[in-house]
Each structure stands twice: as structure tokens, then as C-alpha cells.
Amino acid sequence: KHECNCDLMFKLAALGLQEILGDYGHVDDAAIKILKKSNLISQTVFNKFTSPQLVFSEVIRHYKSLQGWSRGKAIINYLNKATELRGYGVHYYQVNVVIAPRGTCSYPVLK
């Protein structure tokens, strides 16, 4: 089971919108269209809420607060915030482990 830091995910999605669209233009339709087509919000976030509209409204609330941010500032802040995600930098590999009298040994599983 994956844990969801939804507020962090909303902020990341808002930063993505700022990078893609620039400043909020008082029309939610363009932002929602991008949110639906992109992977800015994970399915885990949608599963936590009763309707997608609640998720979109939270992202747009954060997006509005980024008024005046440059594309570069949004990208840098996105990358900095992404490091706060649980599991950031963790890569999972399937390995075989051998336990022997002299110790343990692990090696990757080849497919």
C-alpha cells in the first residue's frame, strides 16, 4: 500500500501547471484539461477523494498562489519538493539471496 501526502502532491501538480501554463488566467478549464491529460496527479491521490473535482480544485487553489513565478522558479521548486516524496531516490530490484556458512550473497535476477 502506498501512502499519500496529498498536500505535497497538490503542490507538485500546481508547480507543473505553472511551468506549463504560466500564471493562472482565471479560467479553470485549461488547467483541468492539462491535469486530466498529464500524469501530474497520481491515481493514489484520486483514490483518496470522493470526486476528481475536489482534487482539481485543491490543485488550482495552490496554482493560484504561484502568480508571478517564472517557469524556471517553478521547475526548481518542483525538483526541490519532489525530494520530499517518500521513496524519492529509492529503486527496487528483484534479487536472489544465498545464505551459506561463510555469509550471504545476493545477485540480480536475470530475465
C-alpha atoms as a PDB file:
ATOM      1  CA  LYS A   1       0.000   0.000   0.000  1.00  0.00           C
ATOM      2  CA  HIS A   2       1.321   3.450  -0.944  1.00  0.00           C
ATOM      3  CA  GLU A   3       0.959   6.354   1.438  1.00  0.00           C
ATOM      4  CA  CYS A   4      -0.224   9.618   0.007  1.00  0.00           C
ATOM      5  CA  ASN A   5       0.990  13.027   1.077  1.00  0.00           C
ATOM      6  CA  CYS A   6      -1.844  14.670  -0.835  1.00  0.00           C
ATOM      7  CA  ASP A   7      -0.941  18.242   0.044  1.00  0.00           C
ATOM      8  CA  LEU A   8       2.560  17.736  -1.352  1.00  0.00           C
ATOM      9  CA  MET A   9       1.076  16.126  -4.467  1.00  0.00           C
ATOM     10  CA  PHE A  10      -1.263  19.118  -4.931  1.00  0.00           C
ATOM     11  CA  LYS A  11       1.701  21.497  -4.665  1.00  0.00           C
ATOM     12  CA  LEU A  12       3.718  19.480  -7.180  1.00  0.00           C
ATOM     13  CA  ALA A  13       0.817  19.438  -9.637  1.00  0.00           C
ATOM     14  CA  ALA A  14       0.361  23.203  -9.190  1.00  0.00           C
ATOM     15  CA  LEU A  15       4.049  23.780  -9.883  1.00  0.00           C
ATOM     16  CA  GLY A  16       3.691  21.634 -13.002  1.00  0.00           C
ATOM     17  CA  LEU A  17       0.789  23.783 -14.152  1.00  0.00           C
ATOM     18  CA  GLN A  18       2.798  26.955 -13.501  1.00  0.00           C
ATOM     19  CA  GLU A  19       5.610  25.567 -15.634  1.00  0.00           C
ATOM     20  CA  ILE A  20       3.252  24.531 -18.457  1.00  0.00           C
ATOM     21  CA  LEU A  21       0.689  27.367 -18.467  1.00  0.00           C
ATOM     22  CA  GLY A  22       2.401  30.243 -16.701  1.00  0.00           C
ATOM     23  CA  ASP A  23       0.320  32.445 -14.416  1.00  0.00           C
ATOM     24  CA  TYR A  24      -3.235  31.446 -13.553  1.00  0.00           C
ATOM     25  CA  GLY A  25      -5.619  33.019 -16.065  1.00  0.00           C
ATOM     26  CA  HIS A  26      -8.901  32.995 -14.089  1.00  0.00           C
ATOM     27  CA  VAL A  27     -10.186  30.065 -16.170  1.00  0.00           C
ATOM     28  CA  ASP A  28     -10.019  26.620 -14.610  1.00  0.00           C
ATOM     29  CA  ASP A  29     -10.822  24.754 -17.859  1.00  0.00           C
ATOM     30  CA  ALA A  30      -7.295  24.888 -19.316  1.00  0.00           C
ATOM     31  CA  ALA A  31      -5.721  23.761 -16.054  1.00  0.00           C
ATOM     32  CA  ILE A  32      -8.211  20.921 -15.585  1.00  0.00           C
ATOM     33  CA  LYS A  33      -7.711  19.774 -19.180  1.00  0.00           C
ATOM     34  CA  ILE A  34      -3.950  19.509 -18.587  1.00  0.00           C
ATOM     35  CA  LEU A  35      -4.452  17.769 -15.242  1.00  0.00           C
ATOM     36  CA  LYS A  36      -6.674  15.154 -16.916  1.00  0.00           C
ATOM     37  CA  LYS A  37      -4.235  14.502 -19.785  1.00  0.00           C
ATOM     38  CA  SER A  38      -0.983  14.545 -17.819  1.00  0.00           C
ATOM     39  CA  ASN A  39       0.476  12.469 -15.018  1.00  0.00           C
ATOM     40  CA  LEU A  40       0.812  15.454 -12.680  1.00  0.00           C
ATOM     41  CA  ILE A  41      -1.522  13.768 -10.181  1.00  0.00           C
ATOM     42  CA  SER A  42      -1.148  10.110  -9.266  1.00  0.00           C
ATOM     43  CA  GLN A  43      -4.065   7.716  -9.097  1.00  0.00           C
ATOM     44  CA  THR A  44      -3.331   7.313  -5.384  1.00  0.00           C
ATOM     45  CA  VAL A  45      -4.431  10.917  -4.831  1.00  0.00           C
ATOM     46  CA  PHE A  46      -7.658  10.442  -6.795  1.00  0.00           C
ATOM     47  CA  ASN A  47      -8.434   7.302  -4.777  1.00  0.00           C
ATOM     48  CA  LYS A  48      -8.326   9.312  -1.525  1.00  0.00           C
ATOM     49  CA  PHE A  49     -11.098  11.704  -2.604  1.00  0.00           C
ATOM     50  CA  THR A  50     -14.751  11.181  -3.465  1.00  0.00           C
ATOM     51  CA  SER A  51     -14.583  13.115  -6.732  1.00  0.00           C
ATOM     52  CA  PRO A  52     -11.898  14.245  -9.167  1.00  0.00           C
ATOM     53  CA  GLN A  53     -13.329  17.773  -8.965  1.00  0.00           C
ATOM     54  CA  LEU A  54     -12.192  18.029  -5.329  1.00  0.00           C
ATOM     55  CA  VAL A  55      -8.656  17.110  -6.393  1.00  0.00           C
ATOM     56  CA  PHE A  56      -8.692  19.624  -9.254  1.00  0.00           C
ATOM     57  CA  SER A  57      -9.964  22.421  -7.008  1.00  0.00           C
ATOM     58  CA  GLU A  58      -7.175  21.797  -4.477  1.00  0.00           C
ATOM     59  CA  VAL A  59      -4.515  21.853  -7.191  1.00  0.00           C
ATOM     60  CA  ILE A  60      -5.953  25.046  -8.676  1.00  0.00           C
ATOM     61  CA  ARG A  61      -6.024  26.648  -5.221  1.00  0.00           C
ATOM     62  CA  HIS A  62      -2.266  26.040  -4.948  1.00  0.00           C
ATOM     63  CA  TYR A  63      -1.744  27.060  -8.576  1.00  0.00           C
ATOM     64  CA  LYS A  64      -3.353  30.471  -7.953  1.00  0.00           C
ATOM     65  CA  SER A  65      -0.833  31.137  -5.168  1.00  0.00           C
ATOM     66  CA  LEU A  66       2.057  30.837  -7.656  1.00  0.00           C
ATOM     67  CA  GLN A  67       1.068  34.023  -9.509  1.00  0.00           C
ATOM     68  CA  GLY A  68       4.177  35.814 -10.771  1.00  0.00           C
ATOM     69  CA  TRP A  69       6.509  32.810 -10.582  1.00  0.00           C
ATOM     70  CA  SER A  70       8.768  32.288 -13.588  1.00  0.00           C
ATOM     71  CA  ARG A  71       8.924  28.967 -15.415  1.00  0.00           C
ATOM     72  CA  GLY A  72      12.446  28.409 -14.065  1.00  0.00           C
ATOM     73  CA  LYS A  73      11.431  29.090 -10.470  1.00  0.00           C
ATOM     74  CA  ALA A  74       8.525  26.633 -10.825  1.00  0.00           C
ATOM     75  CA  ILE A  75      10.859  23.932 -12.184  1.00  0.00           C
ATOM     76  CA  ILE A  76      13.457  24.408  -9.438  1.00  0.00           C
ATOM     77  CA  ASN A  77      10.788  24.359  -6.724  1.00  0.00           C
ATOM     78  CA  TYR A  78       9.188  21.267  -8.290  1.00  0.00           C
ATOM     79  CA  LEU A  79      12.512  19.422  -8.163  1.00  0.00           C
ATOM     80  CA  ASN A  80      13.151  20.530  -4.573  1.00  0.00           C
ATOM     81  CA  LYS A  81       9.654  19.478  -3.453  1.00  0.00           C
ATOM     82  CA  ALA A  82       9.953  16.128  -5.245  1.00  0.00           C
ATOM     83  CA  THR A  83      12.809  15.190  -2.917  1.00  0.00           C
ATOM     84  CA  GLU A  84      10.274  15.279  -0.047  1.00  0.00           C
ATOM     85  CA  LEU A  85       8.322  12.380  -1.559  1.00  0.00           C
ATOM     86  CA  ARG A  86       8.545   9.158   0.362  1.00  0.00           C
ATOM     87  CA  GLY A  87      10.663   6.781  -1.661  1.00  0.00           C
ATOM     88  CA  TYR A  88      12.447   9.521  -3.604  1.00  0.00           C
ATOM     89  CA  GLY A  89      15.676   8.075  -4.951  1.00  0.00           C
ATOM     90  CA  VAL A  90      14.731   4.515  -3.986  1.00  0.00           C
ATOM     91  CA  HIS A  91      14.937   1.885  -6.711  1.00  0.00           C
ATOM     92  CA  TYR A  92      13.646  -1.626  -6.194  1.00  0.00           C
ATOM     93  CA  TYR A  93      15.317  -4.613  -7.810  1.00  0.00           C
ATOM     94  CA  GLN A  94      14.468  -8.258  -7.618  1.00  0.00           C
ATOM     95  CA  VAL A  95      17.436 -10.204  -6.277  1.00  0.00           C
ATOM     96  CA  ASN A  96      18.192 -13.709  -5.150  1.00  0.00           C
ATOM     97  CA  VAL A  97      19.902 -14.134  -1.803  1.00  0.00           C
ATOM     98  CA  VAL A  98      22.050 -17.135  -0.940  1.00  0.00           C
ATOM     99  CA  ILE A  99      22.777 -17.901   2.689  1.00  0.00           C
ATOM    100  CA  ALA A 100      25.878 -20.026   3.128  1.00  0.00           C
ATOM    101  CA  PRO A 101      28.115 -20.988   6.050  1.00  0.00           C
ATOM    102  CA  ARG A 102      30.600 -18.281   5.032  1.00  0.00           C
ATOM    103  CA  GLY A 103      27.996 -15.499   4.752  1.00  0.00           C
ATOM    104  CA  THR A 104      25.346 -14.188   2.412  1.00  0.00           C
ATOM    105  CA  CYS A 105      25.474 -13.322  -1.247  1.00  0.00           C
ATOM    106  CA  SER A 106      22.953 -11.526  -3.411  1.00  0.00           C
ATOM    107  CA  TYR A 107      22.773 -11.333  -7.165  1.00  0.00           C
ATOM    108  CA  PRO A 108      20.267  -9.813  -9.602  1.00  0.00           C
ATOM    109  CA  VAL A 109      17.583 -11.922 -11.191  1.00  0.00           C
ATOM    110  CA  LEU A 110      18.123 -12.046 -14.944  1.00  0.00           C
ATOM    111  CA  LYS A 111      15.110 -12.310 -17.186  1.00  0.00           C
END
